[in-house]
C-alpha atoms as a PDB file:
ATOM      1  CA  UNK A   1      90.462 -39.997 -20.712  1.00  0.00           C
ATOM      2  CA  UNK A   2      89.354 -36.838 -21.063  1.00  0.00           C
ATOM      3  CA  UNK A   3      88.675 -34.236 -17.862  1.00  0.00           C
ATOM      4  CA  UNK A   4      84.917 -34.597 -18.027  1.00  0.00           C
ATOM      5  CA  UNK A   5      85.289 -38.096 -18.794  1.00  0.00           C
ATOM      6  CA  UNK A   6      86.869 -38.375 -14.998  1.00  0.00           C
ATOM      7  CA  UNK A   7      83.873 -36.283 -13.503  1.00  0.00           C
ATOM      8  CA  UNK A   8      81.147 -37.763 -15.207  1.00  0.00           C
ATOM      9  CA  UNK A   9      83.460 -41.714 -13.994  1.00  0.00           C
ATOM     10  CA  UNK A  10      83.693 -39.949 -10.182  1.00  0.00           C
ATOM     11  CA  UNK A  11      79.718 -39.029 -10.645  1.00  0.00           C
ATOM     12  CA  UNK A  12      78.462 -42.668 -11.519  1.00  0.00           C
ATOM     13  CA  UNK A  13      80.524 -43.793  -8.445  1.00  0.00           C
ATOM     14  CA  UNK A  14      78.777 -41.600  -5.817  1.00  0.00           C
ATOM     15  CA  UNK A  15      75.041 -42.433  -6.852  1.00  0.00           C
ATOM     16  CA  UNK A  16      74.564 -42.790  -3.363  1.00  0.00           C
ATOM     17  CA  UNK A  17      74.683 -39.225  -2.230  1.00  0.00           C
ATOM     18  CA  UNK A  18      71.486 -37.567  -1.865  1.00  0.00           C
ATOM     19  CA  UNK A  19      70.568 -35.534  -4.546  1.00  0.00           C
ATOM     20  CA  UNK A  20      71.322 -31.992  -2.650  1.00  0.00           C
ATOM     21  CA  UNK A  21      74.728 -32.895  -2.434  1.00  0.00           C
ATOM     22  CA  UNK A  22      75.542 -33.722  -5.925  1.00  0.00           C
ATOM     23  CA  UNK A  23      76.061 -30.243  -7.329  1.00  0.00           C
ATOM     24  CA  UNK A  24      77.795 -29.023  -4.595  1.00  0.00           C
ATOM     25  CA  UNK A  25      79.932 -32.445  -5.446  1.00  0.00           C
ATOM     26  CA  UNK A  26      80.075 -31.546  -8.833  1.00  0.00           C
ATOM     27  CA  UNK A  27      81.101 -28.270  -8.065  1.00  0.00           C
ATOM     28  CA  UNK A  28      84.362 -29.259  -6.111  1.00  0.00           C
ATOM     29  CA  UNK A  29      85.678 -32.305  -8.340  1.00  0.00           C
ATOM     30  CA  UNK A  30      85.606 -29.908 -11.489  1.00  0.00           C
ATOM     31  CA  UNK A  31      87.076 -27.164  -9.155  1.00  0.00           C
ATOM     32  CA  UNK A  32      90.002 -29.708  -8.147  1.00  0.00           C
ATOM     33  CA  UNK A  33      90.419 -30.672 -11.623  1.00  0.00           C
ATOM     34  CA  UNK A  34      91.354 -27.433 -13.029  1.00  0.00           C
ATOM     35  CA  UNK A  35      93.393 -26.272 -10.368  1.00  0.00           C
ATOM     36  CA  UNK A  36      95.363 -29.834 -11.156  1.00  0.00           C
ATOM     37  CA  UNK A  37      95.611 -28.800 -14.383  1.00  0.00           C
ATOM     38  CA  UNK A  38      97.383 -25.685 -13.290  1.00  0.00           C
ATOM     39  CA  UNK A  39      99.722 -27.013 -10.955  1.00  0.00           C
ATOM     40  CA  UNK A  40     100.630 -29.196 -13.991  1.00  0.00           C
ATOM     41  CA  UNK A  41     101.051 -26.094 -16.377  1.00  0.00           C
ATOM     42  CA  UNK A  42     103.516 -24.428 -13.542  1.00  0.00           C
ATOM     43  CA  UNK A  43     105.248 -27.479 -13.182  1.00  0.00           C
ATOM     44  CA  UNK A  44     105.963 -28.030 -16.620  1.00  0.00           C
ATOM     45  CA  UNK A  45     106.825 -24.222 -17.417  1.00  0.00           C
ATOM     46  CA  UNK A  46     109.020 -24.536 -14.567  1.00  0.00           C
ATOM     47  CA  UNK A  47     110.965 -27.721 -15.978  1.00  0.00           C
ATOM     48  CA  UNK A  48     111.158 -26.382 -19.455  1.00  0.00           C
ATOM     49  CA  UNK A  49     112.248 -22.803 -18.555  1.00  0.00           C
ATOM     50  CA  UNK A  50     115.054 -23.966 -16.059  1.00  0.00           C
ATOM     51  CA  UNK A  51     118.752 -23.996 -16.709  1.00  0.00           C
ATOM     52  CA  UNK A  52     120.171 -27.104 -14.971  1.00  0.00           C
ATOM     53  CA  UNK A  53     119.752 -30.432 -16.970  1.00  0.00           C
ATOM     54  CA  UNK A  54     117.033 -32.690 -15.785  1.00  0.00           C
ATOM     55  CA  UNK A  55     116.130 -36.187 -16.061  1.00  0.00           C
ATOM     56  CA  UNK A  56     113.718 -38.609 -14.382  1.00  0.00           C
ATOM     57  CA  UNK A  57     114.211 -42.187 -14.237  1.00  0.00           C
ATOM     58  CA  UNK A  58     111.622 -45.042 -13.623  1.00  0.00           C
ATOM     59  CA  UNK A  59     112.239 -47.554 -11.519  1.00  0.00           C
ATOM     60  CA  UNK A  60     114.092 -49.525 -14.146  1.00  0.00           C
ATOM     61  CA  UNK A  61     116.271 -46.786 -14.489  1.00  0.00           C
ATOM     62  CA  UNK A  62     115.280 -45.753 -17.774  1.00  0.00           C
ATOM     63  CA  UNK A  63     114.756 -42.410 -18.523  1.00  0.00           C
ATOM     64  CA  UNK A  64     110.822 -41.131 -18.688  1.00  0.00           C
ATOM     65  CA  UNK A  65     111.506 -37.114 -18.843  1.00  0.00           C
ATOM     66  CA  UNK A  66     114.028 -34.439 -19.596  1.00  0.00           C
ATOM     67  CA  UNK A  67     114.048 -31.062 -19.873  1.00  0.00           C
ATOM     68  CA  UNK A  68     115.289 -29.338 -22.863  1.00  0.00           C
ATOM     69  CA  UNK A  69     118.624 -27.991 -21.054  1.00  0.00           C
ATOM     70  CA  UNK A  70     119.528 -31.859 -20.764  1.00  0.00           C
ATOM     71  CA  UNK A  71     118.896 -32.136 -24.132  1.00  0.00           C
ATOM     72  CA  UNK A  72     121.444 -29.162 -25.151  1.00  0.00           C
ATOM     73  CA  UNK A  73     124.079 -30.416 -23.184  1.00  0.00           C
ATOM     74  CA  UNK A  74     123.903 -33.457 -24.494  1.00  0.00           C
ATOM     75  CA  UNK A  75     123.191 -32.352 -28.282  1.00  0.00           C
ATOM     76  CA  UNK A  76     120.393 -35.204 -28.248  1.00  0.00           C
ATOM     77  CA  UNK A  77     116.708 -34.524 -29.350  1.00  0.00           C
ATOM     78  CA  UNK A  78     113.731 -35.504 -26.323  1.00  0.00           C
ATOM     79  CA  UNK A  79     112.974 -38.436 -28.627  1.00  0.00           C
ATOM     80  CA  UNK A  80     116.408 -39.715 -28.876  1.00  0.00           C
ATOM     81  CA  UNK A  81     116.419 -39.806 -25.084  1.00  0.00           C
ATOM     82  CA  UNK A  82     113.361 -40.830 -23.938  1.00  0.00           C
ATOM     83  CA  UNK A  83     113.044 -44.615 -22.491  1.00  0.00           C
ATOM     84  CA  UNK A  84     117.049 -45.069 -22.792  1.00  0.00           C
ATOM     85  CA  UNK A  85     118.839 -46.555 -20.227  1.00  0.00           C
ATOM     86  CA  UNK A  86     120.941 -43.619 -17.954  1.00  0.00           C
ATOM     87  CA  UNK A  87     123.829 -45.498 -18.793  1.00  0.00           C
ATOM     88  CA  UNK A  88     123.227 -44.765 -22.407  1.00  0.00           C
ATOM     89  CA  UNK A  89     123.812 -40.942 -21.679  1.00  0.00           C
ATOM     90  CA  UNK A  90     126.765 -40.443 -19.193  1.00  0.00           C
ATOM     91  CA  UNK A  91     130.204 -40.264 -19.719  1.00  0.00           C
ATOM     92  CA  UNK A  92     131.568 -43.677 -18.956  1.00  0.00           C
ATOM     93  CA  UNK A  93     134.849 -42.205 -17.572  1.00  0.00           C
ATOM     94  CA  UNK A  94     133.413 -40.553 -14.893  1.00  0.00           C
ATOM     95  CA  UNK A  95     131.650 -43.530 -13.401  1.00  0.00           C
ATOM     96  CA  UNK A  96     133.384 -45.446 -10.941  1.00  0.00           C
ATOM     97  CA  UNK A  97     132.957 -48.916 -10.534  1.00  0.00           C
END
């Protein structure tokens, strides 16, 4: 869903607000969405420019995100890693049972 769709959906949810409050609320929401987008951009830049490998896992220990440093270390593309179990990419000789 696009940012403008989120704004429209939110504004429909607050129909009970006084007409005078709506422009202020709309401005606040648009500013909040813009700040969130800027924050996400900074986060992505940080993750992609760091020299350490990064891997994010879901609760089932499947890989949901990696950065380019990790891909270079493992000599895999992001597409080859995403969705796999973390056990698929670790050196099994380094794992103690």
